[in-house]
PDB file of all heavy atoms in Angstrom:
ATOM      1  N   TYR A   1     -12.843 -15.233  -8.045  1.00  0.00           N
ATOM      2  CA  TYR A   1     -12.933 -16.022  -6.811  1.00  0.00           C
ATOM      3  C   TYR A   1     -13.996 -15.455  -5.873  1.00  0.00           C
ATOM      4  O   TYR A   1     -14.827 -16.189  -5.333  1.00  0.00           O
ATOM      5  CB  TYR A   1     -11.568 -16.039  -6.123  1.00  0.00           C
ATOM      6  CG  TYR A   1     -11.577 -16.692  -4.766  1.00  0.00           C
ATOM      7  CD1 TYR A   1     -11.535 -18.075  -4.639  1.00  0.00           C
ATOM      8  CD2 TYR A   1     -11.626 -15.907  -3.598  1.00  0.00           C
ATOM      9  CE1 TYR A   1     -11.548 -18.666  -3.394  1.00  0.00           C
ATOM     10  CE2 TYR A   1     -11.634 -16.499  -2.352  1.00  0.00           C
ATOM     11  CZ  TYR A   1     -11.586 -17.877  -2.243  1.00  0.00           C
ATOM     12  OH  TYR A   1     -11.611 -18.471  -1.019  1.00  0.00           O
ATOM     13  N   ILE A   2     -13.989 -14.138  -5.693  1.00  0.00           N
ATOM     14  CA  ILE A   2     -14.935 -13.518  -4.767  1.00  0.00           C
ATOM     15  C   ILE A   2     -16.376 -13.697  -5.247  1.00  0.00           C
ATOM     16  O   ILE A   2     -17.273 -14.028  -4.458  1.00  0.00           O
ATOM     17  CB  ILE A   2     -14.595 -12.022  -4.589  1.00  0.00           C
ATOM     18  CG1 ILE A   2     -13.278 -11.870  -3.821  1.00  0.00           C
ATOM     19  CG2 ILE A   2     -15.725 -11.293  -3.863  1.00  0.00           C
ATOM     20  CD1 ILE A   2     -12.794 -10.447  -3.713  1.00  0.00           C
ATOM     21  N   VAL A   3     -16.599 -13.487  -6.535  1.00  0.00           N
ATOM     22  CA  VAL A   3     -17.962 -13.618  -7.072  1.00  0.00           C
ATOM     23  C   VAL A   3     -18.482 -15.030  -6.890  1.00  0.00           C
ATOM     24  O   VAL A   3     -19.649 -15.243  -6.488  1.00  0.00           O
ATOM     25  CB  VAL A   3     -17.987 -13.202  -8.554  1.00  0.00           C
ATOM     26  CG1 VAL A   3     -19.298 -13.612  -9.208  1.00  0.00           C
ATOM     27  CG2 VAL A   3     -17.767 -11.707  -8.703  1.00  0.00           C
ATOM     28  N   ILE A   4     -17.652 -16.025  -7.177  1.00  0.00           N
ATOM     29  CA  ILE A   4     -18.095 -17.418  -7.075  1.00  0.00           C
ATOM     30  C   ILE A   4     -18.283 -17.819  -5.610  1.00  0.00           C
ATOM     31  O   ILE A   4     -19.277 -18.458  -5.251  1.00  0.00           O
ATOM     32  CB  ILE A   4     -17.083 -18.342  -7.782  1.00  0.00           C
ATOM     33  CG1 ILE A   4     -17.160 -18.135  -9.297  1.00  0.00           C
ATOM     34  CG2 ILE A   4     -17.337 -19.798  -7.429  1.00  0.00           C
ATOM     35  CD1 ILE A   4     -16.077 -18.828 -10.077  1.00  0.00           C
ATOM     36  N   TRP A   5     -17.356 -17.445  -4.759  1.00  0.00           N
ATOM     37  CA  TRP A   5     -17.425 -17.869  -3.361  1.00  0.00           C
ATOM     38  C   TRP A   5     -18.587 -17.208  -2.622  1.00  0.00           C
ATOM     39  O   TRP A   5     -19.387 -17.885  -1.978  1.00  0.00           O
ATOM     40  CB  TRP A   5     -16.100 -17.550  -2.665  1.00  0.00           C
ATOM     41  CG  TRP A   5     -15.979 -18.239  -1.347  1.00  0.00           C
ATOM     42  CD1 TRP A   5     -16.279 -17.744  -0.115  1.00  0.00           C
ATOM     43  CD2 TRP A   5     -15.533 -19.580  -1.134  1.00  0.00           C
ATOM     44  NE1 TRP A   5     -16.048 -18.672   0.868  1.00  0.00           N
ATOM     45  CE2 TRP A   5     -15.586 -19.820   0.272  1.00  0.00           C
ATOM     46  CE3 TRP A   5     -15.096 -20.593  -1.968  1.00  0.00           C
ATOM     47  CZ2 TRP A   5     -15.219 -21.032   0.833  1.00  0.00           C
ATOM     48  CZ3 TRP A   5     -14.713 -21.797  -1.404  1.00  0.00           C
ATOM     49  CH2 TRP A   5     -14.778 -22.012  -0.031  1.00  0.00           C
ATOM     50  N   TYR A   6     -18.678 -15.892  -2.734  1.00  0.00           N
ATOM     51  CA  TYR A   6     -19.736 -15.196  -2.007  1.00  0.00           C
ATOM     52  C   TYR A   6     -21.064 -15.202  -2.745  1.00  0.00           C
ATOM     53  O   TYR A   6     -22.080 -14.818  -2.177  1.00  0.00           O
ATOM     54  CB  TYR A   6     -19.304 -13.755  -1.702  1.00  0.00           C
ATOM     55  CG  TYR A   6     -18.263 -13.698  -0.612  1.00  0.00           C
ATOM     56  CD1 TYR A   6     -16.919 -13.598  -0.921  1.00  0.00           C
ATOM     57  CD2 TYR A   6     -18.642 -13.766   0.726  1.00  0.00           C
ATOM     58  CE1 TYR A   6     -15.958 -13.563   0.075  1.00  0.00           C
ATOM     59  CE2 TYR A   6     -17.689 -13.733   1.729  1.00  0.00           C
ATOM     60  CZ  TYR A   6     -16.355 -13.632   1.403  1.00  0.00           C
ATOM     61  OH  TYR A   6     -15.406 -13.608   2.390  1.00  0.00           O
ATOM     62  N   GLY A   7     -21.064 -15.634  -3.995  1.00  0.00           N
ATOM     63  CA  GLY A   7     -22.324 -15.807  -4.706  1.00  0.00           C
ATOM     64  C   GLY A   7     -22.998 -17.122  -4.393  1.00  0.00           C
ATOM     65  O   GLY A   7     -24.062 -17.417  -4.939  1.00  0.00           O
ATOM     66  N   ASN A   8     -22.355 -17.926  -3.516  1.00  0.00           N
ATOM     67  CA  ASN A   8     -22.929 -19.205  -3.086  1.00  0.00           C
ATOM     68  C   ASN A   8     -23.223 -20.099  -4.293  1.00  0.00           C
ATOM     69  O   ASN A   8     -24.348 -20.531  -4.518  1.00  0.00           O
ATOM     70  CB  ASN A   8     -24.207 -18.984  -2.259  1.00  0.00           C
ATOM     71  CG  ASN A   8     -24.639 -20.254  -1.532  1.00  0.00           C
ATOM     72  OD1 ASN A   8     -23.815 -21.130  -1.285  1.00  0.00           O
ATOM     73  ND2 ASN A   8     -25.911 -20.340  -1.206  1.00  0.00           N
ATOM     74  N   LEU A   9     -22.160 -20.352  -5.076  1.00  0.00           N
ATOM     75  CA  LEU A   9     -22.269 -21.221  -6.241  1.00  0.00           C
ATOM     76  C   LEU A   9     -21.501 -22.511  -5.949  1.00  0.00           C
ATOM     77  O   LEU A   9     -20.302 -22.623  -6.238  1.00  0.00           O
ATOM     78  CB  LEU A   9     -21.698 -20.513  -7.479  1.00  0.00           C
ATOM     79  CG  LEU A   9     -22.318 -19.149  -7.816  1.00  0.00           C
ATOM     80  CD1 LEU A   9     -21.569 -18.477  -8.948  1.00  0.00           C
ATOM     81  CD2 LEU A   9     -23.791 -19.336  -8.175  1.00  0.00           C
ATOM     82  N   PRO A  10     -22.166 -23.512  -5.369  1.00  0.00           N
ATOM     83  CA  PRO A  10     -21.456 -24.706  -4.878  1.00  0.00           C
ATOM     84  C   PRO A  10     -20.676 -25.451  -5.956  1.00  0.00           C
ATOM     85  O   PRO A  10     -19.561 -25.908  -5.712  1.00  0.00           O
ATOM     86  CB  PRO A  10     -22.592 -25.581  -4.317  1.00  0.00           C
ATOM     87  CG  PRO A  10     -23.715 -24.641  -4.062  1.00  0.00           C
ATOM     88  CD  PRO A  10     -23.600 -23.573  -5.104  1.00  0.00           C
ATOM     89  N   GLU A  11     -21.233 -25.595  -7.159  1.00  0.00           N
ATOM     90  CA  GLU A  11     -20.554 -26.368  -8.193  1.00  0.00           C
ATOM     91  C   GLU A  11     -19.232 -25.707  -8.599  1.00  0.00           C
ATOM     92  O   GLU A  11     -18.226 -26.386  -8.816  1.00  0.00           O
ATOM     93  CB  GLU A  11     -21.464 -26.529  -9.407  1.00  0.00           C
ATOM     94  CG  GLU A  11     -22.698 -27.390  -9.123  1.00  0.00           C
ATOM     95  CD  GLU A  11     -23.553 -27.555 -10.364  1.00  0.00           C
ATOM     96  OE1 GLU A  11     -23.195 -26.964 -11.406  1.00  0.00           O
ATOM     97  OE2 GLU A  11     -24.575 -28.259 -10.293  1.00  0.00           O
ATOM     98  N   LYS A  12     -19.258 -24.384  -8.685  1.00  0.00           N
ATOM     99  CA  LYS A  12     -18.037 -23.681  -9.046  1.00  0.00           C
ATOM    100  C   LYS A  12     -17.078 -23.589  -7.857  1.00  0.00           C
ATOM    101  O   LYS A  12     -15.853 -23.624  -8.039  1.00  0.00           O
ATOM    102  CB  LYS A  12     -18.367 -22.290  -9.576  1.00  0.00           C
ATOM    103  CG  LYS A  12     -19.114 -22.325 -10.902  1.00  0.00           C
ATOM    104  CD  LYS A  12     -19.271 -20.937 -11.491  1.00  0.00           C
ATOM    105  CE  LYS A  12     -19.936 -20.999 -12.865  1.00  0.00           C
ATOM    106  NZ  LYS A  12     -20.032 -19.665 -13.509  1.00  0.00           N
ATOM    107  N   ALA A  13     -17.630 -23.472  -6.657  1.00  0.00           N
ATOM    108  CA  ALA A  13     -16.777 -23.436  -5.473  1.00  0.00           C
ATOM    109  C   ALA A  13     -16.008 -24.737  -5.314  1.00  0.00           C
ATOM    110  O   ALA A  13     -14.878 -24.741  -4.803  1.00  0.00           O
ATOM    111  CB  ALA A  13     -17.617 -23.167  -4.230  1.00  0.00           C
ATOM    112  N   ALA A  14     -16.588 -25.860  -5.771  1.00  0.00           N
ATOM    113  CA  ALA A  14     -15.907 -27.156  -5.675  1.00  0.00           C
ATOM    114  C   ALA A  14     -14.599 -27.155  -6.470  1.00  0.00           C
ATOM    115  O   ALA A  14     -13.630 -27.817  -6.085  1.00  0.00           O
ATOM    116  CB  ALA A  14     -16.835 -28.263  -6.176  1.00  0.00           C
ATOM    117  N   TRP A  15     -14.562 -26.417  -7.570  1.00  0.00           N
ATOM    118  CA  TRP A  15     -13.338 -26.320  -8.376  1.00  0.00           C
ATOM    119  C   TRP A  15     -12.223 -25.669  -7.566  1.00  0.00           C
ATOM    120  O   TRP A  15     -11.071 -26.097  -7.604  1.00  0.00           O
ATOM    121  CB  TRP A  15     -13.645 -25.522  -9.639  1.00  0.00           C
ATOM    122  CG  TRP A  15     -12.543 -25.461 -10.642  1.00  0.00           C
ATOM    123  CD1 TRP A  15     -12.279 -26.351 -11.635  1.00  0.00           C
ATOM    124  CD2 TRP A  15     -11.563 -24.422 -10.763  1.00  0.00           C
ATOM    125  NE1 TRP A  15     -11.192 -25.944 -12.371  1.00  0.00           N
ATOM    126  CE2 TRP A  15     -10.741 -24.768 -11.871  1.00  0.00           C
ATOM    127  CE3 TRP A  15     -11.299 -23.241 -10.071  1.00  0.00           C
ATOM    128  CZ2 TRP A  15      -9.675 -23.966 -12.273  1.00  0.00           C
ATOM    129  CZ3 TRP A  15     -10.235 -22.453 -10.465  1.00  0.00           C
ATOM    130  CH2 TRP A  15      -9.440 -22.809 -11.559  1.00  0.00           C
ATOM    131  N   TYR A  16     -12.574 -24.624  -6.804  1.00  0.00           N
ATOM    132  CA  TYR A  16     -11.597 -23.955  -5.962  1.00  0.00           C
ATOM    133  C   TYR A  16     -11.212 -24.829  -4.767  1.00  0.00           C
ATOM    134  O   TYR A  16     -10.044 -24.846  -4.341  1.00  0.00           O
ATOM    135  CB  TYR A  16     -12.126 -22.613  -5.475  1.00  0.00           C
ATOM    136  CG  TYR A  16     -12.074 -21.534  -6.519  1.00  0.00           C
ATOM    137  CD1 TYR A  16     -13.193 -21.196  -7.267  1.00  0.00           C
ATOM    138  CD2 TYR A  16     -10.897 -20.831  -6.763  1.00  0.00           C
ATOM    139  CE1 TYR A  16     -13.147 -20.195  -8.229  1.00  0.00           C
ATOM    140  CE2 TYR A  16     -10.837 -19.832  -7.717  1.00  0.00           C
ATOM    141  CZ  TYR A  16     -11.976 -19.524  -8.451  1.00  0.00           C
ATOM    142  OH  TYR A  16     -11.910 -18.535  -9.408  1.00  0.00           O
ATOM    143  N   LEU A  17     -12.183 -25.550  -4.206  1.00  0.00           N
ATOM    144  CA  LEU A  17     -11.884 -26.407  -3.058  1.00  0.00           C
ATOM    145  C   LEU A  17     -10.888 -27.494  -3.442  1.00  0.00           C
ATOM    146  O   LEU A  17     -10.025 -27.865  -2.637  1.00  0.00           O
ATOM    147  CB  LEU A  17     -13.179 -27.035  -2.524  1.00  0.00           C
ATOM    148  CG  LEU A  17     -14.133 -26.073  -1.804  1.00  0.00           C
ATOM    149  CD1 LEU A  17     -15.449 -26.760  -1.486  1.00  0.00           C
ATOM    150  CD2 LEU A  17     -13.490 -25.526  -0.539  1.00  0.00           C
ATOM    151  N   MET A  18     -11.001 -28.012  -4.664  1.00  0.00           N
ATOM    152  CA  MET A  18     -10.043 -29.016  -5.131  1.00  0.00           C
ATOM    153  C   MET A  18      -8.635 -28.443  -5.174  1.00  0.00           C
ATOM    154  O   MET A  18      -7.651 -29.144  -4.908  1.00  0.00           O
ATOM    155  CB  MET A  18     -10.461 -29.503  -6.518  1.00  0.00           C
ATOM    156  CG  MET A  18      -9.565 -30.561  -7.110  1.00  0.00           C
ATOM    157  SD  MET A  18     -10.140 -31.071  -8.753  1.00  0.00           S
ATOM    158  CE  MET A  18      -8.879 -32.291  -9.164  1.00  0.00           C
ATOM    159  N   ARG A  19      -8.518 -27.163  -5.487  1.00  0.00           N
ATOM    160  CA  ARG A  19      -7.211 -26.490  -5.565  1.00  0.00           C
ATOM    161  C   ARG A  19      -6.809 -25.851  -4.245  1.00  0.00           C
ATOM    162  O   ARG A  19      -5.833 -25.100  -4.203  1.00  0.00           O
ATOM    163  CB  ARG A  19      -7.256 -25.440  -6.687  1.00  0.00           C
ATOM    164  CG  ARG A  19      -7.188 -26.087  -8.051  1.00  0.00           C
ATOM    165  CD  ARG A  19      -7.846 -25.304  -9.153  1.00  0.00           C
ATOM    166  NE  ARG A  19      -7.731 -26.059 -10.398  1.00  0.00           N
ATOM    167  CZ  ARG A  19      -8.531 -27.072 -10.737  1.00  0.00           C
ATOM    168  NH1 ARG A  19      -9.508 -27.433  -9.912  1.00  0.00           N
ATOM    169  NH2 ARG A  19      -8.356 -27.716 -11.867  1.00  0.00           N
ATOM    170  N   ASN A  20      -7.577 -26.163  -3.196  1.00  0.00           N
ATOM    171  CA  ASN A  20      -7.226 -25.712  -1.855  1.00  0.00           C
ATOM    172  C   ASN A  20      -6.779 -26.877  -0.981  1.00  0.00           C
ATOM    173  O   ASN A  20      -6.533 -26.703   0.207  1.00  0.00           O
ATOM    174  CB  ASN A  20      -8.427 -25.014  -1.204  1.00  0.00           C
ATOM    175  CG  ASN A  20      -8.046 -24.211   0.018  1.00  0.00           C
ATOM    176  OD1 ASN A  20      -7.014 -23.544   0.042  1.00  0.00           O
ATOM    177  ND2 ASN A  20      -8.878 -24.281   1.061  1.00  0.00           N
ATOM    178  N   SER A  21      -6.679 -28.067  -1.583  1.00  0.00           N
ATOM    179  CA  SER A  21      -6.306 -29.270  -0.841  1.00  0.00           C
ATOM    180  C   SER A  21      -4.980 -29.812  -1.369  1.00  0.00           C
ATOM    181  O   SER A  21      -4.482 -29.383  -2.418  1.00  0.00           O
ATOM    182  CB  SER A  21      -7.395 -30.345  -0.980  1.00  0.00           C
ATOM    183  OG  SER A  21      -7.573 -30.700  -2.339  1.00  0.00           O
ATOM    184  N   SER A  22      -4.409 -30.761  -0.630  1.00  0.00           N
ATOM    185  CA  SER A  22      -3.179 -31.461  -1.031  1.00  0.00           C
ATOM    186  C   SER A  22      -2.020 -30.494  -1.299  1.00  0.00           C
ATOM    187  O   SER A  22      -1.189 -30.757  -2.170  1.00  0.00           O
ATOM    188  CB  SER A  22      -3.443 -32.332  -2.270  1.00  0.00           C
ATOM    189  OG  SER A  22      -4.486 -33.254  -2.027  1.00  0.00           O
ATOM    190  N   GLY A  23      -1.995 -29.401  -0.588  1.00  0.00           N
ATOM    191  CA  GLY A  23      -0.883 -28.472  -0.724  1.00  0.00           C
ATOM    192  C   GLY A  23      -1.012 -27.466  -1.838  1.00  0.00           C
ATOM    193  O   GLY A  23      -0.125 -26.603  -2.002  1.00  0.00           O
ATOM    194  N   TRP A  24      -2.079 -27.512  -2.611  1.00  0.00           N
ATOM    195  CA  TRP A  24      -2.214 -26.593  -3.739  1.00  0.00           C
ATOM    196  C   TRP A  24      -2.471 -25.161  -3.298  1.00  0.00           C
ATOM    197  O   TRP A  24      -2.186 -24.223  -4.050  1.00  0.00           O
ATOM    198  CB  TRP A  24      -3.324 -27.067  -4.675  1.00  0.00           C
ATOM    199  CG  TRP A  24      -2.925 -28.277  -5.446  1.00  0.00           C
ATOM    200  CD1 TRP A  24      -3.401 -29.546  -5.313  1.00  0.00           C
ATOM    201  CD2 TRP A  24      -1.924 -28.337  -6.468  1.00  0.00           C
ATOM    202  NE1 TRP A  24      -2.761 -30.399  -6.175  1.00  0.00           N
ATOM    203  CE2 TRP A  24      -1.856 -29.688  -6.899  1.00  0.00           C
ATOM    204  CE3 TRP A  24      -1.076 -27.404  -7.050  1.00  0.00           C
ATOM    205  CZ2 TRP A  24      -0.977 -30.100  -7.891  1.00  0.00           C
ATOM    206  CZ3 TRP A  24      -0.201 -27.801  -8.037  1.00  0.00           C
ATOM    207  CH2 TRP A  24      -0.160 -29.141  -8.444  1.00  0.00           C
ATOM    208  N   SER A  25      -3.001 -24.989  -2.092  1.00  0.00           N
ATOM    209  CA  SER A  25      -3.182 -23.620  -1.597  1.00  0.00           C
ATOM    210  C   SER A  25      -1.830 -22.925  -1.420  1.00  0.00           C
ATOM    211  O   SER A  25      -1.709 -21.711  -1.607  1.00  0.00           O
ATOM    212  CB  SER A  25      -3.945 -23.634  -0.268  1.00  0.00           C
ATOM    213  OG  SER A  25      -3.258 -24.425   0.694  1.00  0.00           O
ATOM    214  N   TRP A  26      -0.784 -23.706  -1.087  1.00  0.00           N
ATOM    215  CA  TRP A  26       0.553 -23.132  -0.970  1.00  0.00           C
ATOM    216  C   TRP A  26       1.103 -22.737  -2.333  1.00  0.00           C
ATOM    217  O   TRP A  26       1.858 -21.758  -2.444  1.00  0.00           O
ATOM    218  CB  TRP A  26       1.495 -24.129  -0.289  1.00  0.00           C
ATOM    219  CG  TRP A  26       1.226 -24.283   1.170  1.00  0.00           C
ATOM    220  CD1 TRP A  26       0.570 -25.313   1.776  1.00  0.00           C
ATOM    221  CD2 TRP A  26       1.584 -23.369   2.206  1.00  0.00           C
ATOM    222  NE1 TRP A  26       0.493 -25.113   3.131  1.00  0.00           N
ATOM    223  CE2 TRP A  26       1.109 -23.921   3.425  1.00  0.00           C
ATOM    224  CE3 TRP A  26       2.249 -22.156   2.230  1.00  0.00           C
ATOM    225  CZ2 TRP A  26       1.297 -23.274   4.645  1.00  0.00           C
ATOM    226  CZ3 TRP A  26       2.437 -21.519   3.452  1.00  0.00           C
ATOM    227  CH2 TRP A  26       1.965 -22.076   4.637  1.00  0.00           C
ATOM    228  N   VAL A  27       0.725 -23.469  -3.353  1.00  0.00           N
ATOM    229  CA  VAL A  27       1.210 -23.150  -4.700  1.00  0.00           C
ATOM    230  C   VAL A  27       0.672 -21.798  -5.155  1.00  0.00           C
ATOM    231  O   VAL A  27       1.427 -20.947  -5.648  1.00  0.00           O
ATOM    232  CB  VAL A  27       0.805 -24.262  -5.695  1.00  0.00           C
ATOM    233  CG1 VAL A  27       1.167 -23.865  -7.130  1.00  0.00           C
ATOM    234  CG2 VAL A  27       1.486 -25.577  -5.335  1.00  0.00           C
ATOM    235  N   ILE A  28      -0.628 -21.581  -4.984  1.00  0.00           N
ATOM    236  CA  ILE A  28      -1.184 -20.300  -5.423  1.00  0.00           C
ATOM    237  C   ILE A  28      -0.703 -19.167  -4.506  1.00  0.00           C
ATOM    238  O   ILE A  28      -0.501 -18.031  -4.969  1.00  0.00           O
ATOM    239  CB  ILE A  28      -2.737 -20.352  -5.460  1.00  0.00           C
ATOM    240  CG1 ILE A  28      -3.284 -19.123  -6.173  1.00  0.00           C
ATOM    241  CG2 ILE A  28      -3.319 -20.505  -4.079  1.00  0.00           C
ATOM    242  CD1 ILE A  28      -2.852 -18.976  -7.605  1.00  0.00           C
ATOM    243  N   ALA A  29      -0.466 -19.488  -3.227  1.00  0.00           N
ATOM    244  CA  ALA A  29       0.078 -18.462  -2.336  1.00  0.00           C
ATOM    245  C   ALA A  29       1.477 -18.041  -2.778  1.00  0.00           C
ATOM    246  O   ALA A  29       1.807 -16.849  -2.795  1.00  0.00           O
ATOM    247  CB  ALA A  29       0.109 -18.982  -0.902  1.00  0.00           C
ATOM    248  N   MET A  30       2.309 -19.025  -3.161  1.00  0.00           N
ATOM    249  CA  MET A  30       3.646 -18.702  -3.646  1.00  0.00           C
ATOM    250  C   MET A  30       3.576 -17.961  -4.981  1.00  0.00           C
ATOM    251  O   MET A  30       4.394 -17.078  -5.256  1.00  0.00           O
ATOM    252  CB  MET A  30       4.462 -19.978  -3.785  1.00  0.00           C
ATOM    253  CG  MET A  30       4.789 -20.655  -2.465  1.00  0.00           C
ATOM    254  SD  MET A  30       5.713 -19.570  -1.331  1.00  0.00           S
ATOM    255  CE  MET A  30       7.246 -19.380  -2.241  1.00  0.00           C
ATOM    256  N   ALA A  31       2.607 -18.321  -5.830  1.00  0.00           N
ATOM    257  CA  ALA A  31       2.442 -17.621  -7.103  1.00  0.00           C
ATOM    258  C   ALA A  31       2.129 -16.155  -6.875  1.00  0.00           C
ATOM    259  O   ALA A  31       2.689 -15.268  -7.545  1.00  0.00           O
ATOM    260  CB  ALA A  31       1.337 -18.280  -7.926  1.00  0.00           C
ATOM    261  N   VAL A  32       1.239 -15.885  -5.933  1.00  0.00           N
ATOM    262  CA  VAL A  32       0.869 -14.495  -5.636  1.00  0.00           C
ATOM    263  C   VAL A  32       2.045 -13.744  -5.006  1.00  0.00           C
ATOM    264  O   VAL A  32       2.338 -12.596  -5.366  1.00  0.00           O
ATOM    265  CB  VAL A  32      -0.358 -14.455  -4.712  1.00  0.00           C
ATOM    266  CG1 VAL A  32      -0.646 -13.028  -4.260  1.00  0.00           C
ATOM    267  CG2 VAL A  32      -1.572 -15.038  -5.418  1.00  0.00           C
ATOM    268  N   LEU A  33       2.739 -14.406  -4.073  1.00  0.00           N
ATOM    269  CA  LEU A  33       3.848 -13.743  -3.389  1.00  0.00           C
ATOM    270  C   LEU A  33       5.014 -13.474  -4.331  1.00  0.00           C
ATOM    271  O   LEU A  33       5.498 -12.336  -4.438  1.00  0.00           O
ATOM    272  CB  LEU A  33       4.319 -14.604  -2.216  1.00  0.00           C
ATOM    273  CG  LEU A  33       5.521 -14.067  -1.423  1.00  0.00           C
ATOM    274  CD1 LEU A  33       5.165 -12.733  -0.759  1.00  0.00           C
ATOM    275  CD2 LEU A  33       5.981 -15.087  -0.385  1.00  0.00           C
TER     276      LEU A  33
END
């Protein structure tokens, strides 16, 4: 995640942005917790 986000890779960052919407950010947060 860090390499893709801070490496300024827009196409790959879009994959993460899709999983940061519609409540999916809560899913990965619960997975980590």
